[in-house]
């Protein structure tokens, strides 16, 4: 009888620990996914500006080479 109680207590502790670990990992994963989405948005916003700068540089380079 005493062994069964110990086993039940150990099993309960293991399940609680597993649940806590799962919860912490889920929060970290969600934070990483949020950060990734933010970075993707920033990059996508910057692409048109970068393209515009490249075009300006190409024009300046062509003008400099034409002289």
N, C-alpha and C. Protein backbone atom coordinates (compact mmCIF):
# COMPACT_ATOMS: atom_id res chain seq x y z
N UNK A 1 0.82 -1.20 0.00
CA UNK A 1 0.00 0.00 0.00
C UNK A 1 0.87 1.26 0.00
N UNK A 2 1.89 1.27 0.85
CA UNK A 2 2.77 2.43 0.95
C UNK A 2 3.52 2.67 -0.36
N UNK A 3 3.90 1.57 -1.03
CA UNK A 3 4.60 1.67 -2.31
C UNK A 3 3.71 2.31 -3.37
N UNK A 4 2.44 1.96 -3.36
CA UNK A 4 1.50 2.53 -4.33
C UNK A 4 1.36 4.04 -4.14
N UNK A 5 1.31 4.47 -2.89
CA UNK A 5 1.20 5.91 -2.61
C UNK A 5 2.46 6.63 -3.09
N UNK A 6 3.62 6.05 -2.83
CA UNK A 6 4.87 6.66 -3.30
C UNK A 6 4.90 6.75 -4.82
N UNK A 7 4.49 5.66 -5.46
CA UNK A 7 4.46 5.65 -6.93
C UNK A 7 3.51 6.72 -7.47
N UNK A 8 2.37 6.85 -6.83
CA UNK A 8 1.40 7.85 -7.27
C UNK A 8 1.97 9.26 -7.08
N UNK A 9 2.63 9.48 -5.93
CA UNK A 9 3.23 10.80 -5.68
C UNK A 9 4.32 11.09 -6.70
N UNK A 10 5.19 10.11 -6.98
CA UNK A 10 6.26 10.31 -7.97
C UNK A 10 5.68 10.58 -9.36
N UNK A 11 4.67 9.81 -9.71
CA UNK A 11 4.03 10.01 -11.02
C UNK A 11 3.43 11.42 -11.10
N UNK A 12 2.78 11.84 -10.02
CA UNK A 12 2.21 13.19 -9.99
C UNK A 12 3.27 14.26 -10.13
N UNK A 13 4.39 14.10 -9.43
CA UNK A 13 5.49 15.07 -9.53
C UNK A 13 6.06 15.11 -10.94
N UNK A 14 6.21 13.94 -11.54
CA UNK A 14 6.73 13.87 -12.91
C UNK A 14 5.78 14.57 -13.88
N UNK A 15 4.48 14.32 -13.73
CA UNK A 15 3.51 14.95 -14.62
C UNK A 15 3.46 16.47 -14.43
N UNK A 16 3.54 16.92 -13.19
CA UNK A 16 3.56 18.37 -12.93
C UNK A 16 4.81 18.99 -13.53
N UNK A 17 5.96 18.35 -13.34
CA UNK A 17 7.21 18.87 -13.90
C UNK A 17 7.15 18.91 -15.42
N UNK A 18 6.60 17.86 -16.02
CA UNK A 18 6.48 17.82 -17.47
C UNK A 18 5.55 18.94 -17.96
N UNK A 19 4.47 19.16 -17.24
CA UNK A 19 3.54 20.22 -17.62
C UNK A 19 4.17 21.60 -17.52
N UNK A 20 4.92 21.83 -16.46
CA UNK A 20 5.60 23.12 -16.30
C UNK A 20 6.62 23.33 -17.41
N UNK A 21 7.40 22.29 -17.70
CA UNK A 21 8.41 22.38 -18.75
C UNK A 21 7.76 22.64 -20.10
N UNK A 22 6.67 21.93 -20.38
CA UNK A 22 5.95 22.13 -21.64
C UNK A 22 5.44 23.57 -21.74
N UNK A 23 4.89 24.08 -20.66
CA UNK A 23 4.38 25.45 -20.65
C UNK A 23 5.48 26.47 -20.91
N UNK A 24 6.63 26.28 -20.28
CA UNK A 24 7.75 27.21 -20.47
C UNK A 24 8.25 27.14 -21.91
N UNK A 25 8.36 25.94 -22.46
CA UNK A 25 8.84 25.80 -23.84
C UNK A 25 7.84 26.40 -24.82
N UNK A 26 6.56 26.25 -24.54
CA UNK A 26 5.53 26.83 -25.42
C UNK A 26 5.64 28.35 -25.43
N UNK A 27 5.87 28.94 -24.26
CA UNK A 27 6.01 30.39 -24.20
C UNK A 27 7.24 30.85 -24.96
N UNK A 28 8.33 30.13 -24.82
CA UNK A 28 9.56 30.51 -25.54
C UNK A 28 9.36 30.39 -27.04
N UNK A 29 8.72 29.30 -27.47
CA UNK A 29 8.47 29.10 -28.89
C UNK A 29 7.59 30.22 -29.44
N UNK A 30 6.58 30.59 -28.69
CA UNK A 30 5.69 31.67 -29.12
C UNK A 30 6.45 32.98 -29.22
N UNK A 31 7.34 33.24 -28.27
CA UNK A 31 8.15 34.47 -28.31
C UNK A 31 9.06 34.48 -29.53
N UNK A 32 9.66 33.34 -29.85
CA UNK A 32 10.54 33.24 -31.02
C UNK A 32 9.74 33.46 -32.30
N UNK A 33 8.55 32.85 -32.38
CA UNK A 33 7.72 33.02 -33.57
C UNK A 33 7.30 34.48 -33.73
N UNK A 34 6.97 35.14 -32.63
CA UNK A 34 6.59 36.55 -32.68
C UNK A 34 7.76 37.39 -33.17
N UNK A 35 8.95 37.12 -32.64
CA UNK A 35 10.15 37.86 -33.06
C UNK A 35 10.42 37.63 -34.54
N UNK A 36 10.25 36.40 -35.01
CA UNK A 36 10.47 36.08 -36.42
C UNK A 36 9.49 36.86 -37.29
N UNK A 37 8.23 36.90 -36.88
CA UNK A 37 7.23 37.64 -37.65
C UNK A 37 7.56 39.13 -37.70
N UNK A 38 8.03 39.68 -36.58
CA UNK A 38 8.41 41.09 -36.56
C UNK A 38 9.57 41.36 -37.50
N UNK A 39 10.56 40.48 -37.49
CA UNK A 39 11.72 40.65 -38.38
C UNK A 39 11.31 40.55 -39.85
N UNK A 40 10.42 39.61 -40.16
CA UNK A 40 9.94 39.47 -41.54
C UNK A 40 9.23 40.75 -41.99
N UNK A 41 8.41 41.31 -41.11
CA UNK A 41 7.70 42.55 -41.46
C UNK A 41 8.68 43.69 -41.71
N UNK A 42 9.69 43.81 -40.85
CA UNK A 42 10.69 44.87 -41.01
C UNK A 42 11.44 44.71 -42.32
N UNK A 43 11.86 43.48 -42.62
CA UNK A 43 12.60 43.22 -43.85
C UNK A 43 11.74 43.54 -45.07
N UNK A 44 10.48 43.11 -45.05
CA UNK A 44 9.60 43.36 -46.19
C UNK A 44 9.34 44.86 -46.36
N UNK A 45 9.33 45.61 -45.28
CA UNK A 45 9.15 47.06 -45.39
C UNK A 45 10.39 47.73 -45.96
N UNK A 46 11.56 47.18 -45.67
CA UNK A 46 12.82 47.79 -46.12
C UNK A 46 13.17 47.45 -47.56
N UNK A 47 12.63 46.39 -48.11
CA UNK A 47 12.99 45.96 -49.47
C UNK A 47 12.74 47.06 -50.51
N UNK A 48 11.57 47.70 -50.54
CA UNK A 48 11.38 48.76 -51.55
C UNK A 48 12.40 49.89 -51.43
N UNK A 49 12.72 50.28 -50.20
CA UNK A 49 13.70 51.35 -50.00
C UNK A 49 15.08 50.91 -50.51
N UNK A 50 15.44 49.68 -50.27
CA UNK A 50 16.73 49.16 -50.74
C UNK A 50 16.76 49.13 -52.26
N UNK A 51 15.66 48.70 -52.88
CA UNK A 51 15.59 48.67 -54.34
C UNK A 51 15.75 50.08 -54.91
N UNK A 52 15.10 51.03 -54.28
CA UNK A 52 15.19 52.42 -54.74
C UNK A 52 16.62 52.93 -54.64
N UNK A 53 17.29 52.62 -53.57
CA UNK A 53 18.69 53.05 -53.41
C UNK A 53 19.59 52.40 -54.45
N UNK A 54 19.36 51.13 -54.74
CA UNK A 54 20.17 50.44 -55.75
C UNK A 54 19.96 51.09 -57.11
N UNK A 55 18.72 51.42 -57.43
CA UNK A 55 18.44 52.07 -58.71
C UNK A 55 19.15 53.42 -58.79
N UNK A 56 19.11 54.19 -57.69
CA UNK A 56 19.81 55.48 -57.67
C UNK A 56 21.31 55.29 -57.87
N UNK A 57 21.87 54.31 -57.20
CA UNK A 57 23.30 54.05 -57.35
C UNK A 57 23.64 53.64 -58.78
N UNK A 58 22.79 52.83 -59.40
CA UNK A 58 23.03 52.44 -60.79
C UNK A 58 23.03 53.66 -61.70
N UNK A 59 22.08 54.56 -61.47
CA UNK A 59 22.00 55.77 -62.29
C UNK A 59 23.25 56.63 -62.09
N UNK A 60 23.66 56.80 -60.84
CA UNK A 60 24.86 57.59 -60.57
C UNK A 60 26.10 56.94 -61.19
N UNK A 61 26.17 55.63 -61.13
CA UNK A 61 27.31 54.91 -61.70
C UNK A 61 27.33 55.07 -63.22
N UNK A 62 26.17 54.93 -63.85
CA UNK A 62 26.09 55.11 -65.30
C UNK A 62 26.49 56.53 -65.69
N UNK A 63 26.04 57.51 -64.91
CA UNK A 63 26.39 58.90 -65.21
C UNK A 63 27.89 59.12 -65.04
N UNK A 64 28.46 58.54 -64.01
CA UNK A 64 29.90 58.70 -63.77
C UNK A 64 30.72 58.02 -64.86
N UNK A 65 30.27 56.88 -65.33
CA UNK A 65 30.99 56.17 -66.38
C UNK A 65 30.83 56.86 -67.74
N UNK A 66 29.72 57.55 -67.93
CA UNK A 66 29.47 58.23 -69.20
C UNK A 66 30.35 59.46 -69.36
N UNK A 67 30.83 60.00 -68.26
CA UNK A 67 31.66 61.22 -68.34
C UNK A 67 33.03 60.94 -68.80
